[in-house]
Amino acid sequence: MTKKAVKLWDIEEERKFFKDNLKNVSPETLFYIDPEHENRYFAYWPRNYRGPRGTLQSRNSLIGAYTETWVKNLLDPIAKANGYYVMNQVVCGEIGLNRMSPADVAIVNSKKNVYSPEDILLLVEVKMSIVWNWEYIPSENAPVLRPIGDFTTHRGRPGLLRSDSMLKAIGKSINIRVSSFEASHIPIIIIGNTPITRSYYNKVDHLKKAGIIQGFYSVNPHPLDKGSSHKLNIKNTPGNGFIRIDNYSELEKIITPLLSNTHEFFSAMLPKTTLGKIIEIANKEESYVEKAKKFLELIRGDDDDQKEKNEDE
């Protein structure tokens, strides 16, 4: 794909977030005020801070809106190259995406206000936040934004390092999967800008293997000032449930196959005898595609003849 180079997330993108928002909101909306250090402004409480700590809720909605738009723009060249569109806040009632809980980002085949499952090629949940710590230094002439350390130097747990972010992403994905068989062909991915914690390595690999979520991806190649070789900055988990994206072509190679609309999620808990009968019946079909279709029909109970057989037995 020949196109203008597309940047991934980095420290300068965070600087841009603060500069853009400081045009419209006060510094107190974006930064903590540290009374122990002459009321200095920090994006996160420093590691050595021992005073009272609050939670800066006002920044969450701003960074959420910023990163959802940023991810839309990130995926736009890939979608256009395949004849599709990228949209924010996508609503599709059949698969549990309503106006109170829409998809953060989706690649779709047309531009609409409300979508049907057939319109959606890919669903993306965005779990990104401020990664580095920043100090804001007020000045009448030119206020200064100074990065003062990566996430190992402050008390915050940004992005995919937060257990609540991971659980929300997993919960929403499962809700989509169980809402209707109409969601079975739609891949779901999670995009963040940090690594994940070790306690989630096996979980994300199992979610990928089970087909519930097709992957957790960090689009921040260098989240640590210590360099990419640091043990916390993993490239991927053993089963590739999490992958750190290091360049745009890598992202393109991951996303493009997901748009083929040939995937199918399925799940069941059946007696082995029933499962064996389903496999035997499906195997009588001529082609691999027809075998797969018959298997899915039977495992979902869509085949009336099989229903009657099972009831008789």
C-alpha atoms as a PDB file:
ATOM      1  CA  MET A   1       0.000   0.000   0.000  1.00  0.00           C
ATOM      2  CA  THR A   2       1.605   3.254  -1.128  1.00  0.00           C
ATOM      3  CA  LYS A   3       0.534   6.147   1.020  1.00  0.00           C
ATOM      4  CA  LYS A   4       1.742   8.908   3.255  1.00  0.00           C
ATOM      5  CA  ALA A   5       3.435   7.457   6.329  1.00  0.00           C
ATOM      6  CA  VAL A   6       1.000   7.007   9.210  1.00  0.00           C
ATOM      7  CA  LYS A   7       2.413   7.518  12.692  1.00  0.00           C
ATOM      8  CA  LEU A   8       1.684   5.235  15.579  1.00  0.00           C
ATOM      9  CA  TRP A   9       1.191   6.483  19.149  1.00  0.00           C
ATOM     10  CA  ASP A  10       4.197   8.185  20.740  1.00  0.00           C
ATOM     11  CA  ILE A  11       5.148  10.804  23.294  1.00  0.00           C
ATOM     12  CA  GLU A  12       4.614  13.637  20.813  1.00  0.00           C
ATOM     13  CA  GLU A  13       1.012  12.539  20.259  1.00  0.00           C
ATOM     14  CA  GLU A  14       0.455  12.951  23.992  1.00  0.00           C
ATOM     15  CA  ARG A  15       1.977  16.428  23.861  1.00  0.00           C
ATOM     16  CA  LYS A  16      -0.466  17.255  21.062  1.00  0.00           C
ATOM     17  CA  PHE A  17      -3.394  15.991  23.168  1.00  0.00           C
ATOM     18  CA  PHE A  18      -2.483  18.335  26.025  1.00  0.00           C
ATOM     19  CA  LYS A  19      -1.785  21.329  23.770  1.00  0.00           C
ATOM     20  CA  ASP A  20      -5.062  20.913  21.885  1.00  0.00           C
ATOM     21  CA  ASN A  21      -7.159  20.547  25.034  1.00  0.00           C
ATOM     22  CA  LEU A  22      -5.462  23.369  26.936  1.00  0.00           C
ATOM     23  CA  LYS A  23      -6.989  25.712  24.367  1.00  0.00           C
ATOM     24  CA  ASN A  24     -10.448  24.870  25.714  1.00  0.00           C
ATOM     25  CA  VAL A  25     -10.119  23.665  29.320  1.00  0.00           C
ATOM     26  CA  SER A  26      -8.215  24.723  32.417  1.00  0.00           C
ATOM     27  CA  PRO A  27      -4.990  22.965  33.474  1.00  0.00           C
ATOM     28  CA  GLU A  28      -6.831  21.659  36.547  1.00  0.00           C
ATOM     29  CA  THR A  29      -9.019  19.597  34.183  1.00  0.00           C
ATOM     30  CA  LEU A  30      -5.985  17.770  32.790  1.00  0.00           C
ATOM     31  CA  PHE A  31      -3.424  17.735  35.612  1.00  0.00           C
ATOM     32  CA  TYR A  32      -3.138  16.961  39.321  1.00  0.00           C
ATOM     33  CA  ILE A  33      -1.929  19.792  41.519  1.00  0.00           C
ATOM     34  CA  ASP A  34       0.831  18.595  43.859  1.00  0.00           C
ATOM     35  CA  PRO A  35       0.745  20.533  47.168  1.00  0.00           C
ATOM     36  CA  GLU A  36       3.949  18.853  48.325  1.00  0.00           C
ATOM     37  CA  HIS A  37       5.926  20.363  45.465  1.00  0.00           C
ATOM     38  CA  GLU A  38       4.866  24.009  45.305  1.00  0.00           C
ATOM     39  CA  ASN A  39       1.529  23.239  43.611  1.00  0.00           C
ATOM     40  CA  ARG A  40       3.184  21.873  40.495  1.00  0.00           C
ATOM     41  CA  TYR A  41       0.973  20.338  37.807  1.00  0.00           C
ATOM     42  CA  PHE A  42       1.463  16.629  37.028  1.00  0.00           C
ATOM     43  CA  ALA A  43      -0.385  14.270  34.665  1.00  0.00           C
ATOM     44  CA  TYR A  44       0.069  11.505  37.275  1.00  0.00           C
ATOM     45  CA  TRP A  45       1.127  11.435  40.906  1.00  0.00           C
ATOM     46  CA  PRO A  46       4.897  10.778  40.941  1.00  0.00           C
ATOM     47  CA  ARG A  47       6.101   7.543  42.552  1.00  0.00           C
ATOM     48  CA  ASN A  48       7.651   9.432  45.460  1.00  0.00           C
ATOM     49  CA  TYR A  49       4.498  11.439  46.235  1.00  0.00           C
ATOM     50  CA  ARG A  50       3.159  10.571  49.699  1.00  0.00           C
ATOM     51  CA  GLY A  51       0.370  13.103  50.168  1.00  0.00           C
ATOM     52  CA  PRO A  52      -3.402  12.724  49.673  1.00  0.00           C
ATOM     53  CA  ARG A  53      -4.380  11.516  46.210  1.00  0.00           C
ATOM     54  CA  GLY A  54      -7.576  11.972  44.277  1.00  0.00           C
ATOM     55  CA  THR A  55      -8.653  10.593  40.900  1.00  0.00           C
ATOM     56  CA  LEU A  56      -8.740  12.940  37.925  1.00  0.00           C
ATOM     57  CA  GLN A  57     -12.031  11.950  36.302  1.00  0.00           C
ATOM     58  CA  SER A  58     -12.324  15.073  34.148  1.00  0.00           C
ATOM     59  CA  ARG A  59      -9.512  13.965  31.828  1.00  0.00           C
ATOM     60  CA  ASN A  60     -11.030  10.555  31.065  1.00  0.00           C
ATOM     61  CA  SER A  61     -13.730  11.725  28.670  1.00  0.00           C
ATOM     62  CA  LEU A  62     -11.292  14.033  26.883  1.00  0.00           C
ATOM     63  CA  ILE A  63      -8.631  11.375  26.278  1.00  0.00           C
ATOM     64  CA  GLY A  64     -11.386   8.897  25.372  1.00  0.00           C
ATOM     65  CA  ALA A  65     -12.804  11.140  22.653  1.00  0.00           C
ATOM     66  CA  TYR A  66      -9.318  12.061  21.423  1.00  0.00           C
ATOM     67  CA  THR A  67      -8.075   8.479  21.118  1.00  0.00           C
ATOM     68  CA  GLU A  68     -11.261   7.153  19.504  1.00  0.00           C
ATOM     69  CA  THR A  69     -10.897   9.786  16.768  1.00  0.00           C
ATOM     70  CA  TRP A  70      -7.172   9.059  16.553  1.00  0.00           C
ATOM     71  CA  VAL A  71      -7.809   5.314  16.041  1.00  0.00           C
ATOM     72  CA  LYS A  72     -10.428   6.113  13.385  1.00  0.00           C
ATOM     73  CA  ASN A  73      -7.812   8.119  11.492  1.00  0.00           C
ATOM     74  CA  LEU A  74      -5.219   5.387  12.052  1.00  0.00           C
ATOM     75  CA  LEU A  75      -7.409   2.736  10.427  1.00  0.00           C
ATOM     76  CA  ASP A  76      -8.789   4.946   7.676  1.00  0.00           C
ATOM     77  CA  PRO A  77      -6.082   4.187   5.039  1.00  0.00           C
ATOM     78  CA  ILE A  78      -6.551   0.427   5.535  1.00  0.00           C
ATOM     79  CA  ALA A  79     -10.329   0.701   5.237  1.00  0.00           C
ATOM     80  CA  LYS A  80     -10.142   2.901   2.128  1.00  0.00           C
ATOM     81  CA  ALA A  81      -7.691   0.533   0.446  1.00  0.00           C
ATOM     82  CA  ASN A  82     -10.326  -2.218   0.802  1.00  0.00           C
ATOM     83  CA  GLY A  83     -13.293  -0.063  -0.230  1.00  0.00           C
ATOM     84  CA  TYR A  84     -14.686   0.464   3.262  1.00  0.00           C
ATOM     85  CA  TYR A  85     -15.201   3.256   5.814  1.00  0.00           C
ATOM     86  CA  VAL A  86     -14.223   3.833   9.444  1.00  0.00           C
ATOM     87  CA  MET A  87     -16.825   5.235  11.802  1.00  0.00           C
ATOM     88  CA  ASN A  88     -16.986   6.202  15.486  1.00  0.00           C
ATOM     89  CA  GLN A  89     -19.852   5.421  17.874  1.00  0.00           C
ATOM     90  CA  VAL A  90     -21.469   2.724  15.747  1.00  0.00           C
ATOM     91  CA  VAL A  91     -24.933   1.531  16.808  1.00  0.00           C
ATOM     92  CA  CYS A  92     -26.325  -1.915  15.912  1.00  0.00           C
ATOM     93  CA  GLY A  93     -29.128  -3.109  18.152  1.00  0.00           C
ATOM     94  CA  GLU A  94     -29.091  -6.705  16.859  1.00  0.00           C
ATOM     95  CA  ILE A  95     -25.652  -7.271  18.398  1.00  0.00           C
ATOM     96  CA  GLY A  96     -26.045  -5.271  21.592  1.00  0.00           C
ATOM     97  CA  LEU A  97     -24.569  -1.961  20.445  1.00  0.00           C
ATOM     98  CA  ASN A  98     -27.002   0.756  21.485  1.00  0.00           C
ATOM     99  CA  ARG A  99     -26.648   4.528  21.830  1.00  0.00           C
ATOM    100  CA  MET A 100     -25.614   4.156  25.469  1.00  0.00           C
ATOM    101  CA  SER A 101     -22.927   1.589  24.586  1.00  0.00           C
ATOM    102  CA  PRO A 102     -21.927   1.895  20.920  1.00  0.00           C
ATOM    103  CA  ALA A 103     -18.790   0.525  19.307  1.00  0.00           C
ATOM    104  CA  ASP A 104     -15.915   2.965  19.774  1.00  0.00           C
ATOM    105  CA  VAL A 105     -14.742   2.380  16.194  1.00  0.00           C
ATOM    106  CA  ALA A 106     -15.927   0.123  13.392  1.00  0.00           C
ATOM    107  CA  ILE A 107     -14.976  -0.573   9.809  1.00  0.00           C
ATOM    108  CA  VAL A 108     -18.208  -0.672   7.797  1.00  0.00           C
ATOM    109  CA  ASN A 109     -19.323  -0.976   4.188  1.00  0.00           C
ATOM    110  CA  SER A 110     -21.354   2.251   4.126  1.00  0.00           C
ATOM    111  CA  LYS A 111     -22.081   5.399   6.124  1.00  0.00           C
ATOM    112  CA  LYS A 112     -25.301   5.256   8.146  1.00  0.00           C
ATOM    113  CA  ASN A 113     -26.751   6.325  11.472  1.00  0.00           C
ATOM    114  CA  VAL A 114     -27.777   2.811  12.508  1.00  0.00           C
ATOM    115  CA  TYR A 115     -26.164  -0.349  11.183  1.00  0.00           C
ATOM    116  CA  SER A 116     -27.181  -3.954  10.633  1.00  0.00           C
ATOM    117  CA  PRO A 117     -24.700  -6.777  11.363  1.00  0.00           C
ATOM    118  CA  GLU A 118     -24.151  -7.308   7.631  1.00  0.00           C
ATOM    119  CA  ASP A 119     -22.772  -3.763   7.346  1.00  0.00           C
ATOM    120  CA  ILE A 120     -19.981  -4.280   9.887  1.00  0.00           C
ATOM    121  CA  LEU A 121     -16.598  -5.721   8.910  1.00  0.00           C
ATOM    122  CA  LEU A 122     -14.682  -5.096  12.158  1.00  0.00           C
ATOM    123  CA  LEU A 123     -15.436  -3.827  15.665  1.00  0.00           C
ATOM    124  CA  VAL A 124     -12.755  -1.982  17.640  1.00  0.00           C
ATOM    125  CA  GLU A 125     -12.776  -1.135  21.323  1.00  0.00           C
ATOM    126  CA  VAL A 126     -10.286   1.608  22.219  1.00  0.00           C
ATOM    127  CA  LYS A 127      -8.549   1.372  25.601  1.00  0.00           C
ATOM    128  CA  MET A 128      -5.933   4.116  25.436  1.00  0.00           C
ATOM    129  CA  SER A 129      -4.843   6.774  27.888  1.00  0.00           C
ATOM    130  CA  ILE A 130      -1.952   9.047  28.798  1.00  0.00           C
ATOM    131  CA  VAL A 131       1.096   6.787  29.153  1.00  0.00           C
ATOM    132  CA  TRP A 132       3.904   9.121  30.243  1.00  0.00           C
ATOM    133  CA  ASN A 133       3.950  11.511  33.154  1.00  0.00           C
ATOM    134  CA  TRP A 134       3.955  15.184  32.219  1.00  0.00           C
ATOM    135  CA  GLU A 135       4.565  18.404  34.082  1.00  0.00           C
ATOM    136  CA  TYR A 136       2.689  21.495  33.039  1.00  0.00           C
ATOM    137  CA  ILE A 137       4.520  24.735  33.846  1.00  0.00           C
ATOM    138  CA  PRO A 138       2.278  27.826  33.570  1.00  0.00           C
ATOM    139  CA  SER A 139       3.675  30.930  31.936  1.00  0.00           C
ATOM    140  CA  GLU A 140       2.140  34.100  30.595  1.00  0.00           C
ATOM    141  CA  ASN A 141       4.208  33.859  27.431  1.00  0.00           C
ATOM    142  CA  ALA A 142       4.512  30.171  26.551  1.00  0.00           C
ATOM    143  CA  PRO A 143       3.415  27.466  29.012  1.00  0.00           C
ATOM    144  CA  VAL A 144       5.706  24.447  29.043  1.00  0.00           C
ATOM    145  CA  LEU A 145       4.747  20.787  28.712  1.00  0.00           C
ATOM    146  CA  ARG A 146       7.604  18.616  29.954  1.00  0.00           C
ATOM    147  CA  PRO A 147       7.653  14.791  29.888  1.00  0.00           C
ATOM    148  CA  ILE A 148       9.138  13.566  33.161  1.00  0.00           C
ATOM    149  CA  GLY A 149       9.024   9.779  32.917  1.00  0.00           C
ATOM    150  CA  ASP A 150       7.310   6.693  31.518  1.00  0.00           C
ATOM    151  CA  PHE A 151       4.644   4.665  33.331  1.00  0.00           C
ATOM    152  CA  THR A 152       7.195   3.015  35.620  1.00  0.00           C
ATOM    153  CA  THR A 153       7.897   6.424  37.210  1.00  0.00           C
ATOM    154  CA  HIS A 154       4.347   7.382  38.208  1.00  0.00           C
ATOM    155  CA  ARG A 155       1.511   5.889  40.241  1.00  0.00           C
ATOM    156  CA  GLY A 156      -0.968   5.614  37.382  1.00  0.00           C
ATOM    157  CA  ARG A 157      -1.752   2.393  35.538  1.00  0.00           C
ATOM    158  CA  PRO A 158      -2.604   3.543  32.036  1.00  0.00           C
ATOM    159  CA  GLY A 159      -4.401   1.834  29.163  1.00  0.00           C
ATOM    160  CA  LEU A 160      -4.309  -1.955  29.001  1.00  0.00           C
ATOM    161  CA  LEU A 161      -2.305  -2.098  32.238  1.00  0.00           C
ATOM    162  CA  ARG A 162      -5.533  -1.345  34.105  1.00  0.00           C
ATOM    163  CA  SER A 163      -7.506  -4.408  35.152  1.00  0.00           C
ATOM    164  CA  ASP A 164     -10.800  -2.517  34.861  1.00  0.00           C
ATOM    165  CA  SER A 165      -9.993  -1.548  31.250  1.00  0.00           C
ATOM    166  CA  MET A 166      -9.251  -5.166  30.379  1.00  0.00           C
ATOM    167  CA  LEU A 167     -12.402  -6.433  32.097  1.00  0.00           C
ATOM    168  CA  LYS A 168     -14.604  -3.824  30.404  1.00  0.00           C
ATOM    169  CA  ALA A 169     -13.181  -4.720  26.997  1.00  0.00           C
ATOM    170  CA  ILE A 170     -13.669  -8.436  27.607  1.00  0.00           C
ATOM    171  CA  GLY A 171     -17.174  -7.948  29.024  1.00  0.00           C
ATOM    172  CA  LYS A 172     -18.352  -5.823  26.121  1.00  0.00           C
ATOM    173  CA  SER A 173     -16.927  -8.286  23.599  1.00  0.00           C
ATOM    174  CA  ILE A 174     -18.685 -11.209  25.259  1.00  0.00           C
ATOM    175  CA  ASN A 175     -21.934  -9.237  25.340  1.00  0.00           C
ATOM    176  CA  ILE A 176     -21.660  -8.738  21.573  1.00  0.00           C
ATOM    177  CA  ARG A 177     -20.854 -12.408  20.981  1.00  0.00           C
ATOM    178  CA  VAL A 178     -23.821 -13.713  23.004  1.00  0.00           C
ATOM    179  CA  SER A 179     -26.330 -11.122  21.792  1.00  0.00           C
ATOM    180  CA  SER A 180     -27.071 -12.906  18.524  1.00  0.00           C
ATOM    181  CA  PHE A 181     -25.662 -15.351  15.970  1.00  0.00           C
ATOM    182  CA  GLU A 182     -25.664 -12.298  13.688  1.00  0.00           C
ATOM    183  CA  ALA A 183     -22.480 -11.189  15.466  1.00  0.00           C
ATOM    184  CA  SER A 184     -20.665 -14.440  14.715  1.00  0.00           C
ATOM    185  CA  HIS A 185     -18.970 -13.214  11.525  1.00  0.00           C
ATOM    186  CA  ILE A 186     -17.706  -9.912  12.957  1.00  0.00           C
ATOM    187  CA  PRO A 187     -14.110  -9.815  14.281  1.00  0.00           C
ATOM    188  CA  ILE A 188     -13.532  -7.828  17.478  1.00  0.00           C
ATOM    189  CA  ILE A 189     -10.191  -6.312  18.447  1.00  0.00           C
ATOM    190  CA  ILE A 190      -8.979  -4.140  21.316  1.00  0.00           C
ATOM    191  CA  ILE A 191      -6.535  -1.316  20.595  1.00  0.00           C
ATOM    192  CA  GLY A 192      -4.465   0.199  23.391  1.00  0.00           C
ATOM    193  CA  ASN A 193      -1.187   2.053  23.833  1.00  0.00           C
ATOM    194  CA  THR A 194       0.500   0.075  26.623  1.00  0.00           C
ATOM    195  CA  PRO A 195       1.613  -3.495  27.286  1.00  0.00           C
ATOM    196  CA  ILE A 196      -0.599  -5.782  29.383  1.00  0.00           C
ATOM    197  CA  THR A 197       0.192  -7.190  32.816  1.00  0.00           C
ATOM    198  CA  ARG A 198       1.507 -10.740  33.185  1.00  0.00           C
ATOM    199  CA  SER A 199      -1.710 -11.855  34.897  1.00  0.00           C
ATOM    200  CA  TYR A 200      -3.543 -11.384  31.578  1.00  0.00           C
ATOM    201  CA  TYR A 201      -1.102 -13.224  29.290  1.00  0.00           C
ATOM    202  CA  ASN A 202      -2.956 -16.546  29.423  1.00  0.00           C
ATOM    203  CA  LYS A 203      -6.374 -14.868  29.395  1.00  0.00           C
ATOM    204  CA  VAL A 204      -5.846 -12.920  26.164  1.00  0.00           C
ATOM    205  CA  ASP A 205      -4.360 -15.977  24.471  1.00  0.00           C
ATOM    206  CA  HIS A 206      -7.382 -18.058  25.495  1.00  0.00           C
ATOM    207  CA  LEU A 207      -9.801 -15.341  24.312  1.00  0.00           C
ATOM    208  CA  LYS A 208      -8.092 -15.333  20.917  1.00  0.00           C
ATOM    209  CA  LYS A 209      -8.025 -19.126  20.664  1.00  0.00           C
ATOM    210  CA  ALA A 210     -11.707 -19.330  21.669  1.00  0.00           C
ATOM    211  CA  GLY A 211     -12.542 -16.741  18.991  1.00  0.00           C
ATOM    212  CA  ILE A 212     -14.212 -14.294  21.364  1.00  0.00           C
ATOM    213  CA  ILE A 213     -11.689 -11.504  20.728  1.00  0.00           C
ATOM    214  CA  GLN A 214      -9.335 -11.618  17.747  1.00  0.00           C
ATOM    215  CA  GLY A 215      -6.573  -9.748  19.517  1.00  0.00           C
ATOM    216  CA  PHE A 216      -5.366  -7.062  21.908  1.00  0.00           C
ATOM    217  CA  TYR A 217      -2.964  -4.683  20.172  1.00  0.00           C
ATOM    218  CA  SER A 218      -0.783  -1.867  21.450  1.00  0.00           C
ATOM    219  CA  VAL A 219      -0.034   0.743  18.794  1.00  0.00           C
ATOM    220  CA  ASN A 220       2.691   2.338  20.937  1.00  0.00           C
ATOM    221  CA  PRO A 221       6.035   0.760  19.929  1.00  0.00           C
ATOM    222  CA  HIS A 222       8.107   2.532  22.614  1.00  0.00           C
ATOM    223  CA  PRO A 223       6.073   3.101  25.809  1.00  0.00           C
ATOM    224  CA  LEU A 224       9.162   2.940  28.023  1.00  0.00           C
ATOM    225  CA  ASP A 225      12.037   5.406  28.116  1.00  0.00           C
ATOM    226  CA  LYS A 226      14.308   2.498  29.037  1.00  0.00           C
ATOM    227  CA  GLY A 227      14.015   1.056  25.530  1.00  0.00           C
ATOM    228  CA  SER A 228      12.069  -1.650  23.732  1.00  0.00           C
ATOM    229  CA  SER A 229      14.089  -4.458  25.339  1.00  0.00           C
ATOM    230  CA  HIS A 230      12.693  -3.795  28.826  1.00  0.00           C
ATOM    231  CA  LYS A 231      10.901  -6.870  30.241  1.00  0.00           C
ATOM    232  CA  LEU A 232       7.622  -4.974  30.675  1.00  0.00           C
ATOM    233  CA  ASN A 233       7.499  -3.976  27.017  1.00  0.00           C
ATOM    234  CA  ILE A 234       6.637  -7.399  25.594  1.00  0.00           C
ATOM    235  CA  LYS A 235       6.314  -7.859  21.837  1.00  0.00           C
ATOM    236  CA  ASN A 236       3.628 -10.528  22.135  1.00  0.00           C
ATOM    237  CA  THR A 237       2.160 -13.202  24.370  1.00  0.00           C
ATOM    238  CA  PRO A 238       2.888 -16.873  23.537  1.00  0.00           C
ATOM    239  CA  GLY A 239      -0.416 -17.296  21.682  1.00  0.00           C
ATOM    240  CA  ASN A 240      -0.372 -13.799  20.110  1.00  0.00           C
ATOM    241  CA  GLY A 241      -3.483 -12.757  21.995  1.00  0.00           C
ATOM    242  CA  PHE A 242      -1.531  -9.545  22.624  1.00  0.00           C
ATOM    243  CA  ILE A 243       0.819  -8.028  20.053  1.00  0.00           C
ATOM    244  CA  ARG A 244       2.798  -4.783  20.167  1.00  0.00           C
ATOM    245  CA  ILE A 245       2.552  -3.099  16.761  1.00  0.00           C
ATOM    246  CA  ASP A 246       5.928  -1.635  15.787  1.00  0.00           C
ATOM    247  CA  ASN A 247       5.106  -0.124  12.380  1.00  0.00           C
ATOM    248  CA  TYR A 248       2.109   0.614  10.206  1.00  0.00           C
ATOM    249  CA  SER A 249       2.689  -2.203   7.729  1.00  0.00           C
ATOM    250  CA  GLU A 250       2.480  -4.654  10.636  1.00  0.00           C
ATOM    251  CA  LEU A 251      -0.894  -3.207  11.597  1.00  0.00           C
ATOM    252  CA  GLU A 252      -2.058  -3.425   7.999  1.00  0.00           C
ATOM    253  CA  LYS A 253      -1.084  -7.114   7.780  1.00  0.00           C
ATOM    254  CA  ILE A 254      -3.140  -7.845  10.896  1.00  0.00           C
ATOM    255  CA  ILE A 255      -6.239  -5.809  10.028  1.00  0.00           C
ATOM    256  CA  THR A 256      -6.651  -6.560   6.316  1.00  0.00           C
ATOM    257  CA  PRO A 257      -7.334 -10.332   6.658  1.00  0.00           C
ATOM    258  CA  LEU A 258      -9.972  -9.591   9.299  1.00  0.00           C
ATOM    259  CA  LEU A 259     -11.999  -7.699   6.684  1.00  0.00           C
ATOM    260  CA  SER A 260     -12.465 -10.734   4.438  1.00  0.00           C
ATOM    261  CA  ASN A 261     -15.833 -11.617   6.034  1.00  0.00           C
ATOM    262  CA  THR A 262     -14.996 -15.327   5.976  1.00  0.00           C
ATOM    263  CA  HIS A 263     -14.630 -15.772   9.729  1.00  0.00           C
ATOM    264  CA  GLU A 264     -17.220 -17.415  11.970  1.00  0.00           C
ATOM    265  CA  PHE A 265     -17.419 -17.578  15.753  1.00  0.00           C
ATOM    266  CA  PHE A 266     -19.097 -20.625  17.251  1.00  0.00           C
ATOM    267  CA  SER A 267     -19.409 -22.116  20.705  1.00  0.00           C
ATOM    268  CA  ALA A 268     -21.358 -24.918  22.334  1.00  0.00           C
ATOM    269  CA  MET A 269     -21.303 -27.370  25.213  1.00  0.00           C
ATOM    270  CA  LEU A 270     -22.718 -30.651  23.951  1.00  0.00           C
ATOM    271  CA  PRO A 271     -22.442 -34.349  24.823  1.00  0.00           C
ATOM    272  CA  LYS A 272     -19.630 -35.968  22.848  1.00  0.00           C
ATOM    273  CA  THR A 273     -22.104 -38.337  21.151  1.00  0.00           C
ATOM    274  CA  THR A 274     -24.154 -35.398  19.863  1.00  0.00           C
ATOM    275  CA  LEU A 275     -21.026 -33.591  18.741  1.00  0.00           C
ATOM    276  CA  GLY A 276     -19.808 -36.713  16.953  1.00  0.00           C
ATOM    277  CA  LYS A 277     -23.132 -37.059  15.101  1.00  0.00           C
ATOM    278  CA  ILE A 278     -22.960 -33.399  14.045  1.00  0.00           C
ATOM    279  CA  ILE A 279     -19.429 -33.876  12.687  1.00  0.00           C
ATOM    280  CA  GLU A 280     -20.498 -37.049  10.834  1.00  0.00           C
ATOM    281  CA  ILE A 281     -23.490 -35.334   9.197  1.00  0.00           C
ATOM    282  CA  ALA A 282     -21.505 -32.208   8.263  1.00  0.00           C
ATOM    283  CA  ASN A 283     -18.740 -34.326   6.756  1.00  0.00           C
ATOM    284  CA  LYS A 284     -21.172 -35.654   4.119  1.00  0.00           C
ATOM    285  CA  GLU A 285     -21.221 -32.254   2.405  1.00  0.00           C
ATOM    286  CA  GLU A 286     -19.120 -31.871  -0.746  1.00  0.00           C
ATOM    287  CA  SER A 287     -16.868 -28.842  -0.112  1.00  0.00           C
ATOM    288  CA  TYR A 288     -15.068 -27.490   2.953  1.00  0.00           C
ATOM    289  CA  VAL A 289     -17.304 -24.413   2.933  1.00  0.00           C
ATOM    290  CA  GLU A 290     -20.483 -26.510   2.778  1.00  0.00           C
ATOM    291  CA  LYS A 291     -19.180 -28.779   5.544  1.00  0.00           C
ATOM    292  CA  ALA A 292     -18.563 -25.688   7.689  1.00  0.00           C
ATOM    293  CA  LYS A 293     -22.018 -24.267   6.965  1.00  0.00           C
ATOM    294  CA  LYS A 294     -23.722 -27.535   7.852  1.00  0.00           C
ATOM    295  CA  PHE A 295     -21.658 -27.908  11.034  1.00  0.00           C
ATOM    296  CA  LEU A 296     -22.625 -24.383  12.161  1.00  0.00           C
ATOM    297  CA  GLU A 297     -26.291 -24.982  11.362  1.00  0.00           C
ATOM    298  CA  LEU A 298     -26.329 -28.149  13.412  1.00  0.00           C
ATOM    299  CA  ILE A 299     -24.315 -26.881  16.368  1.00  0.00           C
ATOM    300  CA  ARG A 300     -26.594 -23.832  16.607  1.00  0.00           C
ATOM    301  CA  GLY A 301     -29.748 -25.915  16.298  1.00  0.00           C
ATOM    302  CA  ASP A 302     -30.725 -24.334  12.981  1.00  0.00           C
ATOM    303  CA  ASP A 303     -31.447 -27.670  11.276  1.00  0.00           C
ATOM    304  CA  ASP A 304     -35.024 -28.843  11.879  1.00  0.00           C
ATOM    305  CA  ASP A 305     -34.314 -32.453  10.902  1.00  0.00           C
ATOM    306  CA  GLN A 306     -31.450 -32.694  13.366  1.00  0.00           C
ATOM    307  CA  LYS A 307     -33.635 -31.181  16.082  1.00  0.00           C
ATOM    308  CA  GLU A 308     -36.275 -33.853  15.527  1.00  0.00           C
ATOM    309  CA  LYS A 309     -33.651 -36.629  15.545  1.00  0.00           C
ATOM    310  CA  ASN A 310     -32.185 -35.423  18.796  1.00  0.00           C
ATOM    311  CA  GLU A 311     -35.639 -35.185  20.367  1.00  0.00           C
ATOM    312  CA  ASP A 312     -36.517 -38.736  19.264  1.00  0.00           C
ATOM    313  CA  GLU A 313     -33.282 -40.070  20.711  1.00  0.00           C
END
